[in-house]
Amino acid sequence: MEKKRIVKDYDKLPDEVINQVKLEYPYGFAENLVSFVNAKGEKVSALPFDTENIYYLIRMTKQEAVQLIEDDDDYDEFGKLSEEFIEDQDEDGEDED
């Protein structure tokens, strides 16, 4: 069976998925963006994120990607995910999807 593909805005994702995205990209999002043409023929940038059942393309511009990290208390002033956040996620369990 083929994976479900979802294009979604970062702020519309469930918290569990956002936490998984942070763990996948502990040094920020901006350098990992991909571009694609949407159904309207517009060029869009997004962050790819793969789970067991779903392949996400999380819509964001490079500027938005940088701002998300700057505004997120789980990342330090250098744009690196805090060890505390990583440890908290490990304690909560790793098999969420």
C-alpha atoms as a PDB file:
ATOM      1  CA  MET A   1       0.000   0.000   0.000  1.00  0.00           C
ATOM      2  CA  GLU A   2       1.299   3.430  -0.925  1.00  0.00           C
ATOM      3  CA  LYS A   3       1.876   6.051   1.752  1.00  0.00           C
ATOM      4  CA  LYS A   4      -0.553   8.890   2.129  1.00  0.00           C
ATOM      5  CA  ARG A   5       0.969  12.209   0.961  1.00  0.00           C
ATOM      6  CA  ILE A   6      -0.050  15.372   2.788  1.00  0.00           C
ATOM      7  CA  VAL A   7       0.878  19.001   2.106  1.00  0.00           C
ATOM      8  CA  LYS A   8       0.207  21.085   5.219  1.00  0.00           C
ATOM      9  CA  ASP A   9       1.255  24.259   6.999  1.00  0.00           C
ATOM     10  CA  TYR A  10       3.529  23.821  10.033  1.00  0.00           C
ATOM     11  CA  ASP A  11       1.089  25.480  12.428  1.00  0.00           C
ATOM     12  CA  LYS A  12      -1.710  23.127  11.322  1.00  0.00           C
ATOM     13  CA  LEU A  13       0.213  19.967  12.291  1.00  0.00           C
ATOM     14  CA  PRO A  14      -0.631  18.037  15.463  1.00  0.00           C
ATOM     15  CA  ASP A  15       1.815  18.622  18.333  1.00  0.00           C
ATOM     16  CA  GLU A  16       3.049  15.024  18.173  1.00  0.00           C
ATOM     17  CA  VAL A  17       4.069  15.470  14.529  1.00  0.00           C
ATOM     18  CA  ILE A  18       5.733  18.827  15.250  1.00  0.00           C
ATOM     19  CA  ASN A  19       7.778  17.163  17.992  1.00  0.00           C
ATOM     20  CA  GLN A  20       8.839  14.405  15.598  1.00  0.00           C
ATOM     21  CA  VAL A  21       9.794  17.011  12.983  1.00  0.00           C
ATOM     22  CA  LYS A  22      11.980  18.800  15.532  1.00  0.00           C
ATOM     23  CA  LEU A  23      13.754  15.539  16.355  1.00  0.00           C
ATOM     24  CA  GLU A  24      14.291  14.834  12.650  1.00  0.00           C
ATOM     25  CA  TYR A  25      15.714  18.335  12.076  1.00  0.00           C
ATOM     26  CA  PRO A  26      17.622  19.243  15.272  1.00  0.00           C
ATOM     27  CA  TYR A  27      19.605  21.976  13.468  1.00  0.00           C
ATOM     28  CA  GLY A  28      16.627  23.757  11.943  1.00  0.00           C
ATOM     29  CA  PHE A  29      14.570  23.538   8.794  1.00  0.00           C
ATOM     30  CA  ALA A  30      15.867  26.138   6.329  1.00  0.00           C
ATOM     31  CA  GLU A  31      18.647  24.044   4.795  1.00  0.00           C
ATOM     32  CA  ASN A  32      16.321  21.084   4.239  1.00  0.00           C
ATOM     33  CA  LEU A  33      13.565  22.713   2.195  1.00  0.00           C
ATOM     34  CA  VAL A  34      12.572  21.337  -1.187  1.00  0.00           C
ATOM     35  CA  SER A  35      10.646  23.060  -3.980  1.00  0.00           C
ATOM     36  CA  PHE A  36       7.721  21.713  -5.956  1.00  0.00           C
ATOM     37  CA  VAL A  37       4.915  22.985  -8.164  1.00  0.00           C
ATOM     38  CA  ASN A  38       1.488  22.749  -6.541  1.00  0.00           C
ATOM     39  CA  ALA A  39      -1.830  21.951  -8.222  1.00  0.00           C
ATOM     40  CA  LYS A  40      -2.270  25.649  -9.098  1.00  0.00           C
ATOM     41  CA  GLY A  41       1.053  25.673 -10.959  1.00  0.00           C
ATOM     42  CA  GLU A  42       2.767  27.760  -8.248  1.00  0.00           C
ATOM     43  CA  LYS A  43       6.282  27.030  -7.041  1.00  0.00           C
ATOM     44  CA  VAL A  44       6.167  26.203  -3.322  1.00  0.00           C
ATOM     45  CA  SER A  45       8.872  25.339  -0.807  1.00  0.00           C
ATOM     46  CA  ALA A  46       8.321  22.779   1.917  1.00  0.00           C
ATOM     47  CA  LEU A  47      10.059  20.659   4.498  1.00  0.00           C
ATOM     48  CA  PRO A  48       9.815  16.934   3.751  1.00  0.00           C
ATOM     49  CA  PHE A  49       8.964  14.693   6.680  1.00  0.00           C
ATOM     50  CA  ASP A  50       8.351  10.971   6.488  1.00  0.00           C
ATOM     51  CA  THR A  51       6.498   8.821   9.022  1.00  0.00           C
ATOM     52  CA  GLU A  52       5.573   5.170   8.842  1.00  0.00           C
ATOM     53  CA  ASN A  53       2.202   5.922   7.227  1.00  0.00           C
ATOM     54  CA  ILE A  54       2.412   9.479   5.875  1.00  0.00           C
ATOM     55  CA  TYR A  55       4.803  11.510   3.748  1.00  0.00           C
ATOM     56  CA  TYR A  56       4.417  15.184   4.695  1.00  0.00           C
ATOM     57  CA  LEU A  57       5.451  18.244   2.751  1.00  0.00           C
ATOM     58  CA  ILE A  58       5.276  21.013   5.336  1.00  0.00           C
ATOM     59  CA  ARG A  59       4.786  24.332   3.545  1.00  0.00           C
ATOM     60  CA  MET A  60       7.173  27.118   4.530  1.00  0.00           C
ATOM     61  CA  THR A  61       9.480  29.631   2.936  1.00  0.00           C
ATOM     62  CA  LYS A  62      13.137  29.810   3.919  1.00  0.00           C
ATOM     63  CA  GLN A  63      12.382  33.001   5.864  1.00  0.00           C
ATOM     64  CA  GLU A  64       9.521  31.282   7.723  1.00  0.00           C
ATOM     65  CA  ALA A  65      11.765  28.305   8.477  1.00  0.00           C
ATOM     66  CA  VAL A  66      14.378  30.572  10.060  1.00  0.00           C
ATOM     67  CA  GLN A  67      11.730  32.496  12.033  1.00  0.00           C
ATOM     68  CA  LEU A  68      10.119  29.301  13.358  1.00  0.00           C
ATOM     69  CA  ILE A  69      13.440  28.224  14.873  1.00  0.00           C
ATOM     70  CA  GLU A  70      14.198  31.694  16.265  1.00  0.00           C
ATOM     71  CA  ASP A  71      10.774  31.835  17.948  1.00  0.00           C
ATOM     72  CA  ASP A  72      10.858  28.265  19.307  1.00  0.00           C
ATOM     73  CA  ASP A  73      12.121  27.938  22.888  1.00  0.00           C
ATOM     74  CA  ASP A  74      13.087  24.319  22.199  1.00  0.00           C
ATOM     75  CA  TYR A  75      15.981  25.601  20.045  1.00  0.00           C
ATOM     76  CA  ASP A  76      18.951  27.514  21.455  1.00  0.00           C
ATOM     77  CA  GLU A  77      20.314  30.841  20.190  1.00  0.00           C
ATOM     78  CA  PHE A  78      22.437  28.949  17.637  1.00  0.00           C
ATOM     79  CA  GLY A  79      19.456  27.129  16.127  1.00  0.00           C
ATOM     80  CA  LYS A  80      20.205  23.748  17.722  1.00  0.00           C
ATOM     81  CA  LEU A  81      17.510  21.665  19.399  1.00  0.00           C
ATOM     82  CA  SER A  82      18.031  21.557  23.169  1.00  0.00           C
ATOM     83  CA  GLU A  83      19.191  18.350  24.828  1.00  0.00           C
ATOM     84  CA  GLU A  84      16.374  18.819  27.352  1.00  0.00           C
ATOM     85  CA  PHE A  85      13.734  18.618  24.599  1.00  0.00           C
ATOM     86  CA  ILE A  86      15.366  15.494  23.130  1.00  0.00           C
ATOM     87  CA  GLU A  87      15.500  13.804  26.551  1.00  0.00           C
ATOM     88  CA  ASP A  88      11.868  14.726  27.256  1.00  0.00           C
ATOM     89  CA  GLN A  89      10.793  13.132  23.979  1.00  0.00           C
ATOM     90  CA  ASP A  90      12.763   9.975  24.745  1.00  0.00           C
ATOM     91  CA  GLU A  91      10.965   9.716  28.101  1.00  0.00           C
ATOM     92  CA  ASP A  92       7.557  10.154  26.433  1.00  0.00           C
ATOM     93  CA  GLY A  93       8.130   7.188  24.132  1.00  0.00           C
ATOM     94  CA  GLU A  94       9.442   6.757  20.631  1.00  0.00           C
ATOM     95  CA  ASP A  95       6.720   4.811  18.864  1.00  0.00           C
ATOM     96  CA  GLU A  96       4.265   7.654  18.278  1.00  0.00           C
ATOM     97  CA  ASP A  97       3.285   8.318  14.674  1.00  0.00           C
END
